[in-house]
Amino acid sequence: MSSTKEYRDYILEQLSELPGITCRPMMGEFLLYLDGALFGGIYDDRLLVKIVPETKDYQMSEEIPYPKGKPMYLIEDVDDKNLLKEIIIKTKEGLVNRER
C-alpha cells in the first residue's frame, strides 16, 4: 500500500510551523527532511521518525516502515502540532549528535 497525497498534505500542514521542512516522494511513500536532514517519512499513511535516544521519553511504538526496513517510531497523535514539532526537533538533534 502507498501513502495518499491527502495524508501527506495534512502532515505537511501540521508541520508548517517548522521552517525547513521538505518532502520528497519515494516509491509511493514520502521522505521528510528538516534543514536537509532526513528525519522520517510517511509510510502507508503513518508518520514515522528515526529512532534516537532523545525521543525515547515519548514512549512511541516501534514500527517497520516497509518490508526489511529498520524500525522507526510511530507518531500516533498527528493532530497535536506542538507535540509533532517537539518530536521532530528532538529527532533531528539526535541525528546531528549521532554524526559527531
N, C-alpha and C. Protein backbone atom coordinates (compact mmCIF):
# COMPACT_ATOMS: atom_id res chain seq x y z
N MET A 1 0.83 -1.18 0.00
CA MET A 1 0.00 0.00 0.00
C MET A 1 0.88 1.25 0.00
N SER A 2 0.43 2.27 -0.64
CA SER A 2 1.14 3.55 -0.69
C SER A 2 0.44 4.58 0.17
N SER A 3 1.14 5.64 0.44
CA SER A 3 0.55 6.75 1.19
C SER A 3 -0.22 7.65 0.22
N THR A 4 -1.25 8.28 0.74
CA THR A 4 -2.06 9.17 -0.09
C THR A 4 -1.50 10.59 -0.06
N LYS A 5 -1.75 11.30 -1.13
CA LYS A 5 -1.33 12.70 -1.19
C LYS A 5 -2.10 13.53 -0.17
N GLU A 6 -3.33 13.13 0.12
CA GLU A 6 -4.13 13.85 1.11
C GLU A 6 -3.50 13.75 2.51
N TYR A 7 -3.03 12.55 2.86
CA TYR A 7 -2.37 12.39 4.16
C TYR A 7 -1.07 13.18 4.19
N ARG A 8 -0.31 13.10 3.10
CA ARG A 8 0.93 13.89 3.00
C ARG A 8 0.65 15.37 3.20
N ASP A 9 -0.37 15.87 2.51
CA ASP A 9 -0.72 17.28 2.62
C ASP A 9 -1.12 17.65 4.05
N TYR A 10 -1.85 16.76 4.71
CA TYR A 10 -2.25 17.01 6.09
C TYR A 10 -1.03 17.08 7.01
N ILE A 11 -0.11 16.14 6.86
CA ILE A 11 1.10 16.14 7.69
C ILE A 11 1.93 17.39 7.41
N LEU A 12 2.09 17.76 6.17
CA LEU A 12 2.85 18.97 5.84
C LEU A 12 2.18 20.22 6.42
N GLU A 13 0.86 20.25 6.44
CA GLU A 13 0.16 21.37 7.07
C GLU A 13 0.43 21.38 8.57
N GLN A 14 0.41 20.21 9.19
CA GLN A 14 0.69 20.12 10.62
C GLN A 14 2.12 20.56 10.94
N LEU A 15 3.03 20.38 10.00
CA LEU A 15 4.44 20.73 10.21
C LEU A 15 4.79 22.12 9.67
N SER A 16 3.79 22.86 9.24
CA SER A 16 4.04 24.14 8.58
C SER A 16 4.73 25.17 9.48
N GLU A 17 4.65 25.01 10.78
CA GLU A 17 5.32 25.94 11.70
C GLU A 17 6.81 25.67 11.82
N LEU A 18 7.27 24.57 11.24
CA LEU A 18 8.69 24.24 11.26
C LEU A 18 9.32 24.68 9.94
N PRO A 19 10.06 25.79 9.97
CA PRO A 19 10.73 26.18 8.71
C PRO A 19 11.79 25.15 8.34
N GLY A 20 11.96 24.93 7.09
CA GLY A 20 12.99 23.99 6.66
C GLY A 20 12.49 22.58 6.41
N ILE A 21 11.17 22.35 6.49
CA ILE A 21 10.61 21.03 6.21
C ILE A 21 10.49 20.86 4.69
N THR A 22 11.00 19.75 4.20
CA THR A 22 10.81 19.41 2.79
C THR A 22 10.36 17.96 2.71
N CYS A 23 9.73 17.64 1.60
CA CYS A 23 9.16 16.31 1.40
C CYS A 23 9.52 15.84 -0.01
N ARG A 24 9.97 14.60 -0.10
CA ARG A 24 10.30 14.02 -1.41
C ARG A 24 9.56 12.69 -1.59
N PRO A 25 8.95 12.50 -2.74
CA PRO A 25 8.30 11.22 -3.00
C PRO A 25 9.35 10.13 -3.21
N MET A 26 9.03 8.93 -2.73
CA MET A 26 9.94 7.80 -2.90
C MET A 26 9.12 6.51 -2.95
N MET A 27 8.96 5.98 -4.15
CA MET A 27 8.31 4.69 -4.35
C MET A 27 6.93 4.60 -3.68
N GLY A 28 6.11 5.61 -3.88
CA GLY A 28 4.76 5.61 -3.33
C GLY A 28 4.66 6.11 -1.90
N GLU A 29 5.78 6.43 -1.30
CA GLU A 29 5.82 6.96 0.06
C GLU A 29 6.46 8.35 0.01
N PHE A 30 6.68 8.96 1.17
CA PHE A 30 7.23 10.31 1.21
C PHE A 30 8.30 10.41 2.29
N LEU A 31 9.49 10.89 1.91
CA LEU A 31 10.57 11.10 2.85
C LEU A 31 10.50 12.54 3.35
N LEU A 32 10.75 12.72 4.65
CA LEU A 32 10.66 14.04 5.25
C LEU A 32 12.02 14.49 5.76
N TYR A 33 12.33 15.76 5.50
CA TYR A 33 13.62 16.34 5.87
C TYR A 33 13.38 17.61 6.67
N LEU A 34 14.27 17.88 7.61
CA LEU A 34 14.29 19.15 8.31
C LEU A 34 15.68 19.74 8.11
N ASP A 35 15.74 20.89 7.46
CA ASP A 35 17.00 21.55 7.13
C ASP A 35 17.97 20.59 6.43
N GLY A 36 17.42 19.79 5.53
CA GLY A 36 18.24 18.87 4.75
C GLY A 36 18.54 17.54 5.41
N ALA A 37 18.16 17.38 6.68
CA ALA A 37 18.42 16.12 7.40
C ALA A 37 17.18 15.21 7.32
N LEU A 38 17.36 14.00 6.81
CA LEU A 38 16.28 13.03 6.72
C LEU A 38 15.94 12.56 8.14
N PHE A 39 14.75 12.88 8.61
CA PHE A 39 14.36 12.50 9.96
C PHE A 39 13.26 11.46 10.00
N GLY A 40 12.58 11.24 8.89
CA GLY A 40 11.49 10.28 8.90
C GLY A 40 10.75 10.27 7.58
N GLY A 41 9.53 9.79 7.64
CA GLY A 41 8.74 9.73 6.43
C GLY A 41 7.31 9.32 6.69
N ILE A 42 6.56 9.33 5.61
CA ILE A 42 5.17 8.89 5.63
C ILE A 42 5.13 7.57 4.88
N TYR A 43 4.76 6.53 5.59
CA TYR A 43 4.73 5.17 5.05
C TYR A 43 3.35 4.58 5.33
N ASP A 44 2.64 4.19 4.29
CA ASP A 44 1.29 3.63 4.44
C ASP A 44 0.42 4.52 5.31
N ASP A 45 0.46 5.81 5.05
CA ASP A 45 -0.31 6.80 5.81
C ASP A 45 -0.02 6.75 7.31
N ARG A 46 1.24 6.54 7.65
CA ARG A 46 1.72 6.60 9.04
C ARG A 46 2.92 7.53 9.07
N LEU A 47 2.99 8.40 10.07
CA LEU A 47 4.13 9.27 10.23
C LEU A 47 5.15 8.57 11.13
N LEU A 48 6.30 8.24 10.55
CA LEU A 48 7.35 7.55 11.28
C LEU A 48 8.61 8.40 11.30
N VAL A 49 9.32 8.36 12.45
CA VAL A 49 10.58 9.10 12.58
C VAL A 49 11.67 8.13 13.02
N LYS A 50 12.89 8.50 12.69
CA LYS A 50 14.03 7.66 13.07
C LYS A 50 14.13 7.57 14.59
N ILE A 51 14.64 6.45 15.05
CA ILE A 51 14.80 6.21 16.48
C ILE A 51 16.11 6.82 16.95
N VAL A 52 16.01 7.74 17.90
CA VAL A 52 17.19 8.35 18.53
C VAL A 52 16.93 8.40 20.04
N PRO A 53 17.99 8.38 20.85
CA PRO A 53 17.81 8.41 22.31
C PRO A 53 17.03 9.64 22.79
N GLU A 54 17.14 10.75 22.10
CA GLU A 54 16.49 11.99 22.51
C GLU A 54 14.96 11.92 22.51
N THR A 55 14.38 10.93 21.82
CA THR A 55 12.92 10.83 21.76
C THR A 55 12.37 9.62 22.53
N LYS A 56 13.24 8.95 23.26
CA LYS A 56 12.82 7.75 23.99
C LYS A 56 11.70 8.04 25.00
N ASP A 57 11.75 9.19 25.64
CA ASP A 57 10.78 9.53 26.68
C ASP A 57 9.36 9.73 26.16
N TYR A 58 9.18 9.83 24.86
CA TYR A 58 7.83 9.99 24.30
C TYR A 58 7.08 8.67 24.23
N GLN A 59 7.75 7.59 24.52
CA GLN A 59 7.14 6.25 24.56
C GLN A 59 6.31 5.93 23.32
N MET A 60 6.93 6.14 22.17
CA MET A 60 6.27 5.82 20.91
C MET A 60 6.52 4.35 20.57
N SER A 61 5.60 3.75 19.88
CA SER A 61 5.78 2.36 19.48
C SER A 61 6.70 2.29 18.27
N GLU A 62 7.39 1.16 18.16
CA GLU A 62 8.26 0.94 17.00
C GLU A 62 7.49 0.20 15.92
N GLU A 63 7.67 0.66 14.70
CA GLU A 63 7.04 0.00 13.56
C GLU A 63 8.03 -0.07 12.41
N ILE A 64 7.82 -1.02 11.55
CA ILE A 64 8.66 -1.21 10.37
C ILE A 64 8.03 -0.42 9.23
N PRO A 65 8.79 0.48 8.58
CA PRO A 65 8.19 1.30 7.52
C PRO A 65 7.82 0.51 6.26
N TYR A 66 8.62 -0.49 5.95
CA TYR A 66 8.42 -1.30 4.75
C TYR A 66 9.15 -2.62 4.99
N PRO A 67 8.83 -3.67 4.24
CA PRO A 67 9.49 -4.96 4.47
C PRO A 67 11.01 -4.84 4.47
N LYS A 68 11.63 -5.42 5.46
CA LYS A 68 13.08 -5.44 5.66
C LYS A 68 13.65 -4.06 6.04
N GLY A 69 12.78 -3.11 6.38
CA GLY A 69 13.24 -1.80 6.83
C GLY A 69 13.60 -1.83 8.31
N LYS A 70 14.37 -0.84 8.74
CA LYS A 70 14.73 -0.71 10.15
C LYS A 70 13.54 -0.13 10.91
N PRO A 71 13.37 -0.55 12.17
CA PRO A 71 12.27 0.01 12.97
C PRO A 71 12.38 1.53 13.10
N MET A 72 11.23 2.15 13.17
CA MET A 72 11.14 3.60 13.36
C MET A 72 10.04 3.84 14.40
N TYR A 73 10.04 5.03 14.98
CA TYR A 73 8.98 5.39 15.92
C TYR A 73 7.76 5.90 15.16
N LEU A 74 6.59 5.43 15.61
CA LEU A 74 5.32 5.87 15.05
C LEU A 74 4.80 7.04 15.88
N ILE A 75 4.51 8.16 15.23
CA ILE A 75 3.86 9.27 15.90
C ILE A 75 2.36 9.09 15.68
N GLU A 76 1.66 8.73 16.73
CA GLU A 76 0.24 8.44 16.60
C GLU A 76 -0.61 9.71 16.62
N ASP A 77 -0.26 10.67 17.48
CA ASP A 77 -1.07 11.87 17.62
C ASP A 77 -0.59 12.95 16.65
N VAL A 78 -0.96 12.80 15.40
CA VAL A 78 -0.51 13.76 14.38
C VAL A 78 -1.34 15.04 14.39
N ASP A 79 -2.38 15.09 15.24
CA ASP A 79 -3.22 16.28 15.33
C ASP A 79 -2.63 17.34 16.26
N ASP A 80 -1.67 16.97 17.09
CA ASP A 80 -1.06 17.88 18.05
C ASP A 80 0.18 18.52 17.43
N LYS A 81 0.01 19.72 16.88
CA LYS A 81 1.11 20.40 16.18
C LYS A 81 2.32 20.64 17.08
N ASN A 82 2.08 21.02 18.31
CA ASN A 82 3.20 21.30 19.23
C ASN A 82 3.99 20.04 19.53
N LEU A 83 3.29 18.93 19.75
CA LEU A 83 3.97 17.67 20.01
C LEU A 83 4.78 17.23 18.79
N LEU A 84 4.19 17.34 17.60
CA LEU A 84 4.90 16.99 16.37
C LEU A 84 6.18 17.80 16.23
N LYS A 85 6.07 19.09 16.43
CA LYS A 85 7.22 19.99 16.30
C LYS A 85 8.32 19.57 17.28
N GLU A 86 7.93 19.32 18.51
CA GLU A 86 8.88 18.93 19.57
C GLU A 86 9.60 17.62 19.21
N ILE A 87 8.84 16.62 18.81
CA ILE A 87 9.42 15.31 18.48
C ILE A 87 10.38 15.43 17.29
N ILE A 88 9.99 16.17 16.29
CA ILE A 88 10.82 16.28 15.09
C ILE A 88 12.10 17.06 15.36
N ILE A 89 12.01 18.11 16.14
CA ILE A 89 13.22 18.86 16.51
C ILE A 89 14.17 17.98 17.31
N LYS A 90 13.63 17.22 18.25
CA LYS A 90 14.48 16.34 19.05
C LYS A 90 15.06 15.20 18.21
N THR A 91 14.29 14.71 17.24
CA THR A 91 14.80 13.67 16.35
C THR A 91 15.98 14.20 15.55
N LYS A 92 15.83 15.40 15.00
CA LYS A 92 16.94 15.99 14.24
C LYS A 92 18.15 16.22 15.14
N GLU A 93 17.93 16.71 16.36
CA GLU A 93 19.05 16.90 17.29
C GLU A 93 19.77 15.57 17.53
N GLY A 94 19.00 14.51 17.69
CA GLY A 94 19.60 13.19 17.91
C GLY A 94 20.41 12.73 16.72
N LEU A 95 19.93 13.00 15.53
CA LEU A 95 20.65 12.61 14.32
C LEU A 95 21.94 13.41 14.19
N VAL A 96 21.88 14.69 14.52
CA VAL A 96 23.09 15.54 14.45
C VAL A 96 24.10 15.07 15.50
N ASN A 97 23.62 14.76 16.71
CA ASN A 97 24.51 14.27 17.77
C ASN A 97 25.16 12.95 17.38
N ARG A 98 24.42 12.12 16.66
CA ARG A 98 24.93 10.81 16.23
C ARG A 98 26.12 10.98 15.26
N GLU A 99 26.07 12.05 14.47
CA GLU A 99 27.12 12.30 13.47
C GLU A 99 28.42 12.80 14.10
N ARG A 100 28.35 13.33 15.30
CA ARG A 100 29.54 13.92 15.94
C ARG A 100 30.44 12.87 16.50
